[in-house]
Amino acid sequence: MVALLAVLFYQGGGLLAAAVVSALVGPLFPIATTLFYYDQRMRHEGYDIERMMEAAGLNGPEALPGEHGSFAPSGAEEGLA
């Protein structure tokens, strides 16, 4: 009986160690994939260049909603549309 308990404890400890390692290492691939996706998307869309230009002060201020350059149809500000 003691031998059976010793075997179960030994195997259970190995399973516990495997679970801990899996919990620590398992999320690494999805995290890396997500970071790679966003990096590629930012490079493709030029968002990183826009951020660098804003930091350098090369972009003008963006129009606020309702100001000139808004995409709202004419009369939308008065509630006519």
Foldseek 3Di string as FASTA:
>chain_A
DVVVVVVVVVVVVVVVVVVVVCVVPVCPVVVVVVVVVVVVVCVVVVVVVVVVCVVVVNDDDDDDAPDPPHPDPPPVVVVPD
